[in-house]
Structures are given as C-alpha cells and as structure tokens.
Amino acid sequence: MKIVSFLLLMGLATSCSIKVQTLYDRKVDFAKYKTFCWMKGCEFQFTGPAYLNEPEVRQKIQNAIVEEMADRGLVLNNDQPDLLVDVHVTVEDEKIQTYHRTEEKELYYRLFDEPTELLLLKGTLVIDMADKNEGRMVWRSVAVSYLDLHPQLTERNIRRAMKRTLRDFPPRKKTTSPAP
C-alpha cells in the first residue's frame, strides 16, 4: 500500500502542469514591438542554479526564447531593439509529508502510520520584458512547476516550458462589439 501511494503521489507531482501567471501594462500597444534583445547589454544572461549555467543548457534556453518570440513576430536585433528581455530561473527543494492508512491496525486505535517525507523539486521561470525607449517594465510571465528530481533539459522540454510561459504574449486586444 505504501509503495502504491508513493508512486501515485510521485506521478502526480511530476505530471503537474505548468502554472503561469502573467502581468502586463494594459495601456501598452504591444503591436509596436518588432525587435528585442537581452536586457543586460544585449548579452543573454540569467540567474539560476549552477547546472543551468552550462553552455549547452544556456544555448537551449536562449534558442527556445528566440524561437518563441519569432513565432510571435519579434526578431532578435542587438542594434535597435524595441524590447529588452530578461530571464530568471530558480529551482528549490520542497519537502512534503504524506500519511498512509495502516491496514493492519484497528481503525479506532490509530488511523495513520508515521509520516513519509517526500522531496520535490519546484522550478520557477520568470521572463521580464521592458520597453527600451521608455525604460520601464511592460510584461512579466512567471511559470511554476514541479519537476523530476533530475529534470531532463532536452530542447523539447525547454521549448514546451517557454511556449507555456509566453502563451499570452503579446496580449490579445479585446474587441468590443458596436451597440445596437
């Protein structure tokens, strides 16, 4: 019973969807943005754990953002960018306790065994965008998900995370229908 509960919980934890929260300036016309570069001197940098700072992982993250921005009509331009993009990645351990019902014991005596402690990996990806000419933030997406303890940082997985994080960029204009 304990093994089944453990496997079920781990399956749920690793298959949780990415939860994304987006904040943006509703007064900004995002259609005016055609180009972007990285926030710190147009050089791609991000904060994150050491294993993400390896050149091949950094390149995969950078490529995924460039591809997602291109899918949205923005191209990387280090000379005359309209937007400055910054990336932050955090990964932290999170412990949870689970309790399992003991089958062998009488129900009125003791309902649960000792707790089992599980270690989960919680990842957060933050993408910030600033208007270069106005010098102010116009967009922020924060994606949070539970990861495998040894996440597979394949191009496919990274691209999927970027696609979800930038899903609502640029924001769609709300259309109003004329009054009858």
N, C-alpha and C. Protein backbone atom coordinates (compact mmCIF):
# COMPACT_ATOMS: atom_id res chain seq x y z
N MET A 1 0.82 -1.19 0.00
CA MET A 1 0.00 0.00 0.00
C MET A 1 0.87 1.27 0.00
N LYS A 2 1.94 1.24 0.81
CA LYS A 2 2.81 2.42 0.87
C LYS A 2 3.48 2.68 -0.47
N ILE A 3 3.93 1.63 -1.12
CA ILE A 3 4.61 1.78 -2.40
C ILE A 3 3.66 2.34 -3.45
N VAL A 4 2.42 1.83 -3.48
CA VAL A 4 1.44 2.32 -4.45
C VAL A 4 1.13 3.79 -4.21
N SER A 5 0.94 4.17 -2.94
CA SER A 5 0.66 5.57 -2.60
C SER A 5 1.83 6.46 -3.00
N PHE A 6 3.03 5.99 -2.71
CA PHE A 6 4.22 6.76 -3.04
C PHE A 6 4.32 6.98 -4.55
N LEU A 7 4.16 5.91 -5.32
CA LEU A 7 4.25 6.01 -6.77
C LEU A 7 3.16 6.91 -7.34
N LEU A 8 1.95 6.82 -6.78
CA LEU A 8 0.86 7.67 -7.24
C LEU A 8 1.16 9.13 -6.97
N LEU A 9 1.64 9.42 -5.77
CA LEU A 9 1.97 10.80 -5.41
C LEU A 9 3.10 11.34 -6.28
N MET A 10 4.12 10.53 -6.51
CA MET A 10 5.22 10.98 -7.36
C MET A 10 4.76 11.20 -8.79
N GLY A 11 3.87 10.33 -9.25
CA GLY A 11 3.32 10.51 -10.60
C GLY A 11 2.56 11.81 -10.72
N LEU A 12 1.78 12.13 -9.71
CA LEU A 12 1.03 13.38 -9.73
C LEU A 12 1.97 14.58 -9.64
N ALA A 13 2.97 14.47 -8.80
CA ALA A 13 3.89 15.59 -8.61
C ALA A 13 4.68 15.88 -9.88
N THR A 14 5.11 14.85 -10.59
CA THR A 14 5.93 15.09 -11.78
C THR A 14 5.09 15.39 -13.01
N SER A 15 3.80 15.10 -12.96
CA SER A 15 2.98 15.36 -14.14
C SER A 15 2.14 16.62 -13.99
N CYS A 16 2.37 17.36 -12.91
CA CYS A 16 1.61 18.59 -12.72
C CYS A 16 1.88 19.53 -13.88
N SER A 17 0.86 20.21 -14.29
CA SER A 17 1.03 21.14 -15.39
C SER A 17 1.76 22.39 -14.92
N ILE A 18 2.23 23.12 -15.87
CA ILE A 18 2.91 24.36 -15.58
C ILE A 18 1.85 25.41 -15.28
N LYS A 19 1.98 26.08 -14.15
CA LYS A 19 1.06 27.15 -13.79
C LYS A 19 1.73 28.48 -14.14
N VAL A 20 1.05 29.29 -14.94
CA VAL A 20 1.63 30.53 -15.43
C VAL A 20 0.79 31.71 -14.97
N GLN A 21 1.46 32.73 -14.48
CA GLN A 21 0.81 33.99 -14.13
C GLN A 21 1.47 35.09 -14.95
N THR A 22 0.65 35.91 -15.57
CA THR A 22 1.17 36.96 -16.44
C THR A 22 0.67 38.32 -15.96
N LEU A 23 1.57 39.27 -15.92
CA LEU A 23 1.25 40.66 -15.60
C LEU A 23 1.78 41.52 -16.73
N TYR A 24 0.98 42.50 -17.15
CA TYR A 24 1.46 43.40 -18.20
C TYR A 24 0.73 44.73 -18.10
N ASP A 25 1.33 45.73 -18.72
CA ASP A 25 0.74 47.07 -18.74
C ASP A 25 -0.34 47.09 -19.81
N ARG A 26 -1.57 47.24 -19.41
CA ARG A 26 -2.71 47.18 -20.33
C ARG A 26 -2.80 48.42 -21.24
N LYS A 27 -2.06 49.45 -20.92
CA LYS A 27 -2.08 50.67 -21.73
C LYS A 27 -1.12 50.59 -22.92
N VAL A 28 -0.25 49.59 -22.90
CA VAL A 28 0.79 49.47 -23.94
C VAL A 28 0.21 48.76 -25.17
N ASP A 29 0.54 49.31 -26.34
CA ASP A 29 0.19 48.67 -27.60
C ASP A 29 1.36 47.77 -27.99
N PHE A 30 1.21 46.47 -27.75
CA PHE A 30 2.29 45.53 -27.99
C PHE A 30 2.56 45.31 -29.48
N ALA A 31 1.66 45.77 -30.34
CA ALA A 31 1.87 45.62 -31.78
C ALA A 31 3.05 46.47 -32.27
N LYS A 32 3.44 47.47 -31.50
CA LYS A 32 4.55 48.33 -31.92
C LYS A 32 5.91 47.66 -31.74
N TYR A 33 5.97 46.58 -30.99
CA TYR A 33 7.23 45.90 -30.76
C TYR A 33 7.52 44.90 -31.88
N LYS A 34 8.67 45.08 -32.50
CA LYS A 34 9.08 44.21 -33.62
C LYS A 34 10.42 43.53 -33.36
N THR A 35 11.22 44.11 -32.47
CA THR A 35 12.56 43.57 -32.22
C THR A 35 12.80 43.47 -30.71
N PHE A 36 13.78 42.65 -30.35
CA PHE A 36 14.16 42.52 -28.94
C PHE A 36 15.62 42.13 -28.84
N CYS A 37 16.17 42.31 -27.67
CA CYS A 37 17.47 41.75 -27.33
C CYS A 37 17.47 41.51 -25.83
N TRP A 38 18.56 41.01 -25.32
CA TRP A 38 18.63 40.65 -23.91
C TRP A 38 18.88 41.90 -23.07
N MET A 39 18.37 41.91 -21.88
CA MET A 39 18.36 43.11 -21.05
C MET A 39 19.75 43.63 -20.69
N LYS A 40 20.67 42.77 -20.38
CA LYS A 40 21.98 43.20 -19.89
C LYS A 40 22.95 43.34 -21.06
N GLY A 41 22.93 44.50 -21.70
CA GLY A 41 23.85 44.77 -22.80
C GLY A 41 23.65 43.87 -24.00
N CYS A 42 22.43 43.41 -24.20
CA CYS A 42 22.06 42.51 -25.29
C CYS A 42 22.85 41.21 -25.26
N GLU A 43 23.39 40.86 -24.10
CA GLU A 43 24.05 39.58 -23.92
C GLU A 43 23.14 38.69 -23.09
N PHE A 44 22.89 37.47 -23.56
CA PHE A 44 21.98 36.57 -22.86
C PHE A 44 22.57 36.15 -21.52
N GLN A 45 21.87 36.48 -20.45
CA GLN A 45 22.24 36.09 -19.10
C GLN A 45 20.97 35.74 -18.35
N PHE A 46 21.12 34.92 -17.36
CA PHE A 46 20.00 34.65 -16.47
C PHE A 46 20.54 34.19 -15.13
N THR A 47 19.72 34.34 -14.12
CA THR A 47 20.10 33.82 -12.82
C THR A 47 19.48 32.45 -12.67
N GLY A 48 20.18 31.56 -12.04
CA GLY A 48 19.66 30.22 -11.86
C GLY A 48 20.69 29.30 -11.26
N PRO A 49 20.31 28.04 -11.06
CA PRO A 49 21.24 27.08 -10.46
C PRO A 49 22.43 26.79 -11.37
N ALA A 50 23.51 26.32 -10.76
CA ALA A 50 24.77 26.12 -11.48
C ALA A 50 24.64 25.17 -12.67
N TYR A 51 23.83 24.11 -12.54
CA TYR A 51 23.76 23.16 -13.65
C TYR A 51 23.03 23.75 -14.87
N LEU A 52 22.33 24.86 -14.70
CA LEU A 52 21.72 25.54 -15.84
C LEU A 52 22.69 26.51 -16.49
N ASN A 53 23.82 26.73 -15.85
CA ASN A 53 24.79 27.67 -16.38
C ASN A 53 25.78 27.01 -17.33
N GLU A 54 25.53 25.77 -17.68
CA GLU A 54 26.38 25.09 -18.65
C GLU A 54 26.05 25.64 -20.04
N PRO A 55 27.05 25.80 -20.88
CA PRO A 55 26.84 26.43 -22.19
C PRO A 55 25.73 25.80 -23.04
N GLU A 56 25.65 24.47 -23.07
CA GLU A 56 24.63 23.83 -23.92
C GLU A 56 23.21 24.05 -23.39
N VAL A 57 23.05 24.09 -22.07
CA VAL A 57 21.71 24.34 -21.49
C VAL A 57 21.33 25.79 -21.71
N ARG A 58 22.27 26.70 -21.47
CA ARG A 58 22.00 28.12 -21.70
C ARG A 58 21.62 28.37 -23.16
N GLN A 59 22.31 27.70 -24.08
CA GLN A 59 22.02 27.87 -25.51
C GLN A 59 20.62 27.36 -25.84
N LYS A 60 20.22 26.24 -25.24
CA LYS A 60 18.86 25.70 -25.47
C LYS A 60 17.80 26.68 -24.96
N ILE A 61 18.04 27.26 -23.80
CA ILE A 61 17.08 28.23 -23.24
C ILE A 61 17.01 29.46 -24.13
N GLN A 62 18.16 29.98 -24.53
CA GLN A 62 18.20 31.15 -25.40
C GLN A 62 17.51 30.87 -26.73
N ASN A 63 17.81 29.73 -27.34
CA ASN A 63 17.18 29.38 -28.62
C ASN A 63 15.67 29.25 -28.49
N ALA A 64 15.21 28.66 -27.40
CA ALA A 64 13.76 28.48 -27.21
C ALA A 64 13.06 29.83 -27.11
N ILE A 65 13.68 30.79 -26.42
CA ILE A 65 13.06 32.12 -26.31
C ILE A 65 13.08 32.82 -27.66
N VAL A 66 14.20 32.75 -28.37
CA VAL A 66 14.28 33.38 -29.69
C VAL A 66 13.23 32.80 -30.63
N GLU A 67 13.05 31.48 -30.61
CA GLU A 67 12.05 30.84 -31.48
C GLU A 67 10.63 31.23 -31.09
N GLU A 68 10.35 31.28 -29.80
CA GLU A 68 9.01 31.68 -29.35
C GLU A 68 8.71 33.13 -29.71
N MET A 69 9.69 33.99 -29.55
CA MET A 69 9.49 35.40 -29.92
C MET A 69 9.29 35.53 -31.43
N ALA A 70 10.04 34.76 -32.21
CA ALA A 70 9.88 34.78 -33.67
C ALA A 70 8.49 34.30 -34.06
N ASP A 71 7.98 33.29 -33.37
CA ASP A 71 6.62 32.82 -33.64
C ASP A 71 5.58 33.91 -33.38
N ARG A 72 5.96 34.90 -32.57
CA ARG A 72 5.06 36.00 -32.22
C ARG A 72 5.38 37.28 -32.99
N GLY A 73 6.27 37.16 -33.98
CA GLY A 73 6.55 38.29 -34.86
C GLY A 73 7.68 39.20 -34.41
N LEU A 74 8.46 38.80 -33.42
CA LEU A 74 9.58 39.62 -32.95
C LEU A 74 10.90 38.93 -33.30
N VAL A 75 11.85 39.72 -33.75
CA VAL A 75 13.15 39.15 -34.12
C VAL A 75 14.23 39.71 -33.21
N LEU A 76 15.26 38.90 -33.01
CA LEU A 76 16.40 39.31 -32.20
C LEU A 76 17.20 40.35 -32.99
N ASN A 77 17.41 41.53 -32.39
CA ASN A 77 18.13 42.62 -33.04
C ASN A 77 18.94 43.32 -31.96
N ASN A 78 20.23 43.09 -31.95
CA ASN A 78 21.09 43.69 -30.92
C ASN A 78 21.35 45.17 -31.15
N ASP A 79 21.10 45.68 -32.37
CA ASP A 79 21.40 47.08 -32.68
C ASP A 79 20.27 48.03 -32.32
N GLN A 80 19.04 47.66 -32.64
CA GLN A 80 17.90 48.55 -32.38
C GLN A 80 16.72 47.76 -31.81
N PRO A 81 16.83 47.30 -30.58
CA PRO A 81 15.73 46.53 -30.00
C PRO A 81 14.61 47.44 -29.49
N ASP A 82 13.39 46.96 -29.61
CA ASP A 82 12.25 47.66 -29.03
C ASP A 82 12.03 47.19 -27.59
N LEU A 83 12.26 45.89 -27.37
CA LEU A 83 12.07 45.27 -26.05
C LEU A 83 13.39 44.72 -25.53
N LEU A 84 13.54 44.76 -24.22
CA LEU A 84 14.66 44.11 -23.56
C LEU A 84 14.09 42.95 -22.76
N VAL A 85 14.66 41.76 -22.93
CA VAL A 85 14.14 40.55 -22.31
C VAL A 85 15.13 40.02 -21.28
N ASP A 86 14.62 39.65 -20.10
CA ASP A 86 15.45 39.10 -19.04
C ASP A 86 14.83 37.80 -18.56
N VAL A 87 15.68 36.84 -18.20
CA VAL A 87 15.23 35.51 -17.80
C VAL A 87 15.80 35.17 -16.43
N HIS A 88 14.94 34.67 -15.54
CA HIS A 88 15.36 34.22 -14.21
C HIS A 88 14.83 32.80 -14.01
N VAL A 89 15.69 31.93 -13.54
CA VAL A 89 15.28 30.55 -13.24
C VAL A 89 15.66 30.25 -11.80
N THR A 90 14.71 29.74 -11.04
CA THR A 90 15.03 29.27 -9.69
C THR A 90 14.53 27.85 -9.55
N VAL A 91 15.29 27.08 -8.83
CA VAL A 91 14.92 25.70 -8.54
C VAL A 91 15.16 25.50 -7.04
N GLU A 92 14.14 25.03 -6.35
CA GLU A 92 14.28 24.84 -4.91
C GLU A 92 13.67 23.51 -4.49
N ASP A 93 14.26 22.95 -3.45
CA ASP A 93 13.73 21.72 -2.88
C ASP A 93 12.53 22.05 -2.02
N GLU A 94 11.54 21.21 -2.09
CA GLU A 94 10.35 21.37 -1.26
C GLU A 94 10.02 20.02 -0.66
N LYS A 95 9.85 19.98 0.66
CA LYS A 95 9.53 18.74 1.34
C LYS A 95 8.05 18.72 1.69
N ILE A 96 7.44 17.56 1.47
CA ILE A 96 6.06 17.37 1.88
C ILE A 96 5.98 16.09 2.70
N GLN A 97 4.98 16.02 3.53
CA GLN A 97 4.76 14.82 4.32
C GLN A 97 3.46 14.18 3.90
N THR A 98 3.50 12.87 3.74
CA THR A 98 2.29 12.12 3.41
C THR A 98 2.05 11.10 4.51
N TYR A 99 0.80 10.82 4.71
CA TYR A 99 0.42 9.83 5.71
C TYR A 99 -0.33 8.71 5.00
N HIS A 100 -0.10 7.50 5.45
CA HIS A 100 -0.72 6.34 4.85
C HIS A 100 -1.56 5.63 5.90
N ARG A 101 -2.71 5.23 5.51
CA ARG A 101 -3.57 4.47 6.41
C ARG A 101 -2.96 3.09 6.63
N THR A 102 -2.98 2.65 7.84
CA THR A 102 -2.44 1.34 8.17
C THR A 102 -3.57 0.33 8.12
N GLU A 103 -3.42 -0.65 7.27
CA GLU A 103 -4.45 -1.67 7.08
C GLU A 103 -4.55 -2.63 8.26
N GLU A 104 -3.41 -2.94 8.88
CA GLU A 104 -3.39 -3.97 9.90
C GLU A 104 -3.97 -3.53 11.23
N LYS A 105 -3.97 -2.26 11.52
CA LYS A 105 -4.37 -1.79 12.84
C LYS A 105 -5.86 -1.48 12.87
N GLU A 106 -6.39 -1.55 14.05
CA GLU A 106 -7.81 -1.23 14.24
C GLU A 106 -8.03 0.24 13.92
N LEU A 107 -9.15 0.55 13.30
CA LEU A 107 -9.43 1.93 12.90
C LEU A 107 -9.54 2.87 14.09
N TYR A 108 -10.14 2.40 15.17
CA TYR A 108 -10.33 3.30 16.30
C TYR A 108 -9.03 3.51 17.09
N TYR A 109 -8.06 2.64 16.88
CA TYR A 109 -6.82 2.72 17.63
C TYR A 109 -5.86 3.75 17.03
N ARG A 110 -5.57 3.63 15.72
CA ARG A 110 -4.61 4.51 15.08
C ARG A 110 -4.90 4.53 13.58
N LEU A 111 -5.24 5.68 13.06
CA LEU A 111 -5.61 5.76 11.66
C LEU A 111 -4.42 5.79 10.71
N PHE A 112 -3.32 6.41 11.14
CA PHE A 112 -2.21 6.61 10.22
C PHE A 112 -0.90 6.15 10.83
N ASP A 113 -0.02 5.70 9.97
CA ASP A 113 1.33 5.36 10.36
C ASP A 113 2.14 6.65 10.51
N GLU A 114 3.41 6.48 10.69
CA GLU A 114 4.31 7.62 10.72
C GLU A 114 4.32 8.29 9.35
N PRO A 115 4.52 9.59 9.31
CA PRO A 115 4.52 10.26 8.00
C PRO A 115 5.74 9.86 7.17
N THR A 116 5.54 9.91 5.86
CA THR A 116 6.62 9.70 4.91
C THR A 116 6.96 11.06 4.33
N GLU A 117 8.24 11.40 4.34
CA GLU A 117 8.66 12.68 3.81
C GLU A 117 9.13 12.51 2.37
N LEU A 118 8.61 13.34 1.48
CA LEU A 118 8.99 13.30 0.07
C LEU A 118 9.71 14.59 -0.29
N LEU A 119 10.69 14.48 -1.14
CA LEU A 119 11.42 15.64 -1.62
C LEU A 119 10.99 15.93 -3.05
N LEU A 120 10.50 17.14 -3.28
CA LEU A 120 10.09 17.55 -4.62
C LEU A 120 10.98 18.69 -5.08
N LEU A 121 11.05 18.89 -6.36
CA LEU A 121 11.83 19.97 -6.95
C LEU A 121 10.87 20.95 -7.58
N LYS A 122 10.86 22.17 -7.08
CA LYS A 122 9.95 23.21 -7.57
C LYS A 122 10.75 24.19 -8.42
N GLY A 123 10.35 24.31 -9.69
CA GLY A 123 11.06 25.20 -10.60
C GLY A 123 10.21 26.42 -10.95
N THR A 124 10.85 27.57 -11.02
CA THR A 124 10.18 28.81 -11.39
C THR A 124 10.96 29.48 -12.52
N LEU A 125 10.24 29.86 -13.55
CA LEU A 125 10.83 30.55 -14.70
C LEU A 125 10.14 31.91 -14.80
N VAL A 126 10.93 32.98 -14.78
CA VAL A 126 10.40 34.34 -14.88
C VAL A 126 10.98 34.98 -16.13
N ILE A 127 10.10 35.51 -16.98
CA ILE A 127 10.54 36.25 -18.16
C ILE A 127 10.00 37.67 -18.04
N ASP A 128 10.92 38.63 -17.99
CA ASP A 128 10.57 40.05 -17.90
C ASP A 128 10.87 40.73 -19.22
N MET A 129 10.03 41.70 -19.57
CA MET A 129 10.26 42.48 -20.78
C MET A 129 10.09 43.96 -20.45
N ALA A 130 11.03 44.75 -20.94
CA ALA A 130 10.99 46.19 -20.71
C ALA A 130 11.02 46.92 -22.04
N ASP A 131 10.29 48.02 -22.10
CA ASP A 131 10.32 48.89 -23.27
C ASP A 131 11.64 49.64 -23.23
N LYS A 132 12.47 49.44 -24.25
CA LYS A 132 13.80 50.06 -24.24
C LYS A 132 13.73 51.58 -24.27
N ASN A 133 12.85 52.14 -25.08
CA ASN A 133 12.78 53.59 -25.22
C ASN A 133 12.24 54.27 -23.97
N GLU A 134 11.26 53.65 -23.32
CA GLU A 134 10.65 54.24 -22.14
C GLU A 134 11.34 53.82 -20.85
N GLY A 135 12.14 52.76 -20.91
CA GLY A 135 12.88 52.32 -19.74
C GLY A 135 12.01 51.79 -18.61
N ARG A 136 10.92 51.10 -18.96
CA ARG A 136 10.05 50.56 -17.92
C ARG A 136 9.54 49.18 -18.30
N MET A 137 9.22 48.41 -17.27
CA MET A 137 8.72 47.06 -17.47
C MET A 137 7.32 47.11 -18.09
N VAL A 138 7.09 46.24 -19.08
CA VAL A 138 5.76 46.18 -19.71
C VAL A 138 5.16 44.78 -19.63
N TRP A 139 5.98 43.77 -19.29
CA TRP A 139 5.49 42.39 -19.30
C TRP A 139 6.26 41.54 -18.30
N ARG A 140 5.56 40.64 -17.63
CA ARG A 140 6.20 39.63 -16.79
C ARG A 140 5.36 38.37 -16.81
N SER A 141 6.01 37.24 -17.10
CA SER A 141 5.39 35.93 -17.02
C SER A 141 6.15 35.10 -15.99
N VAL A 142 5.41 34.46 -15.11
CA VAL A 142 6.01 33.61 -14.10
C VAL A 142 5.39 32.22 -14.25
N ALA A 143 6.23 31.24 -14.53
CA ALA A 143 5.77 29.85 -14.68
C ALA A 143 6.35 29.04 -13.53
N VAL A 144 5.48 28.26 -12.87
CA VAL A 144 5.90 27.43 -11.75
C VAL A 144 5.45 26.00 -12.02
N SER A 145 6.34 25.05 -11.76
CA SER A 145 6.01 23.64 -11.96
C SER A 145 6.88 22.78 -11.06
N TYR A 146 6.36 21.62 -10.72
CA TYR A 146 7.17 20.63 -10.02
C TYR A 146 7.88 19.79 -11.06
N LEU A 147 9.15 19.52 -10.81
CA LEU A 147 10.00 18.83 -11.77
C LEU A 147 10.45 17.49 -11.22
N ASP A 148 10.96 16.67 -12.11
CA ASP A 148 11.63 15.46 -11.67
C ASP A 148 12.87 15.88 -10.88
N LEU A 149 13.31 15.03 -9.97
CA LEU A 149 14.50 15.37 -9.18
C LEU A 149 15.73 15.56 -10.05
N HIS A 150 15.75 14.91 -11.19
CA HIS A 150 16.82 15.11 -12.17
C HIS A 150 16.14 15.45 -13.49
N PRO A 151 15.73 16.73 -13.65
CA PRO A 151 14.96 17.09 -14.84
C PRO A 151 15.74 16.89 -16.13
N GLN A 152 15.02 16.44 -17.15
CA GLN A 152 15.62 16.27 -18.46
C GLN A 152 15.53 17.60 -19.19
N LEU A 153 16.65 18.22 -19.38
CA LEU A 153 16.70 19.53 -20.01
C LEU A 153 16.89 19.38 -21.51
N THR A 154 15.98 18.67 -22.14
CA THR A 154 16.02 18.48 -23.58
C THR A 154 15.47 19.73 -24.25
N GLU A 155 15.81 19.89 -25.52
CA GLU A 155 15.28 21.03 -26.27
C GLU A 155 13.75 21.02 -26.26
N ARG A 156 13.18 19.84 -26.41
CA ARG A 156 11.71 19.71 -26.44
C ARG A 156 11.09 20.19 -25.12
N ASN A 157 11.64 19.77 -23.99
CA ASN A 157 11.10 20.17 -22.69
C ASN A 157 11.28 21.66 -22.44
N ILE A 158 12.44 22.19 -22.80
CA ILE A 158 12.68 23.62 -22.62
C ILE A 158 11.77 24.43 -23.52
N ARG A 159 11.61 24.01 -24.76
CA ARG A 159 10.72 24.72 -25.69
C ARG A 159 9.28 24.70 -25.19
N ARG A 160 8.85 23.56 -24.64
CA ARG A 160 7.49 23.46 -24.09
C ARG A 160 7.29 24.44 -22.93
N ALA A 161 8.29 24.54 -22.07
CA ALA A 161 8.21 25.48 -20.94
C ALA A 161 8.14 26.92 -21.43
N MET A 162 8.94 27.26 -22.43
CA MET A 162 8.92 28.64 -22.96
C MET A 162 7.59 28.94 -23.65
N LYS A 163 7.08 27.96 -24.39
CA LYS A 163 5.80 28.15 -25.08
C LYS A 163 4.69 28.43 -24.06
N ARG A 164 4.67 27.68 -22.97
CA ARG A 164 3.66 27.90 -21.93
C ARG A 164 3.85 29.24 -21.23
N THR A 165 5.10 29.59 -20.95
CA THR A 165 5.38 30.83 -20.25
C THR A 165 5.00 32.04 -21.09
N LEU A 166 5.22 31.97 -22.39
CA LEU A 166 4.91 33.09 -23.28
C LEU A 166 3.58 32.91 -24.01
N ARG A 167 2.77 32.01 -23.55
CA ARG A 167 1.50 31.69 -24.21
C ARG A 167 0.64 32.93 -24.46
N ASP A 168 0.58 33.85 -23.54
CA ASP A 168 -0.29 35.02 -23.67
C ASP A 168 0.42 36.25 -24.22
N PHE A 169 1.65 36.08 -24.70
CA PHE A 169 2.37 37.21 -25.27
C PHE A 169 2.30 37.17 -26.78
N PRO A 170 2.04 38.27 -27.44
CA PRO A 170 1.55 39.53 -26.88
C PRO A 170 0.07 39.40 -26.52
N PRO A 171 -0.38 40.23 -25.60
CA PRO A 171 -1.78 40.12 -25.21
C PRO A 171 -2.71 40.45 -26.37
N ARG A 172 -3.80 39.75 -26.41
CA ARG A 172 -4.78 39.99 -27.48
C ARG A 172 -5.60 41.23 -27.13
N LYS A 173 -5.85 42.01 -28.15
CA LYS A 173 -6.70 43.18 -27.93
C LYS A 173 -8.14 42.72 -27.78
N LYS A 174 -8.80 43.28 -26.81
CA LYS A 174 -10.21 42.95 -26.61
C LYS A 174 -11.04 43.74 -27.62
N THR A 175 -11.87 43.00 -28.31
CA THR A 175 -12.72 43.66 -29.30
C THR A 175 -14.06 43.95 -28.66
N THR A 176 -14.56 45.10 -28.98
CA THR A 176 -15.88 45.46 -28.46
C THR A 176 -16.84 45.51 -29.63
N SER A 177 -17.98 44.93 -29.44
CA SER A 177 -18.96 44.95 -30.50
C SER A 177 -19.77 46.24 -30.40
N PRO A 178 -20.16 46.80 -31.54
CA PRO A 178 -20.92 48.06 -31.52
C PRO A 178 -22.29 47.85 -30.87
N ALA A 179 -22.71 48.88 -30.19
CA ALA A 179 -24.03 48.81 -29.53
C ALA A 179 -25.14 48.86 -30.57
N PRO A 180 -26.20 48.08 -30.39
CA PRO A 180 -27.28 48.08 -31.39
C PRO A 180 -28.08 49.35 -31.39
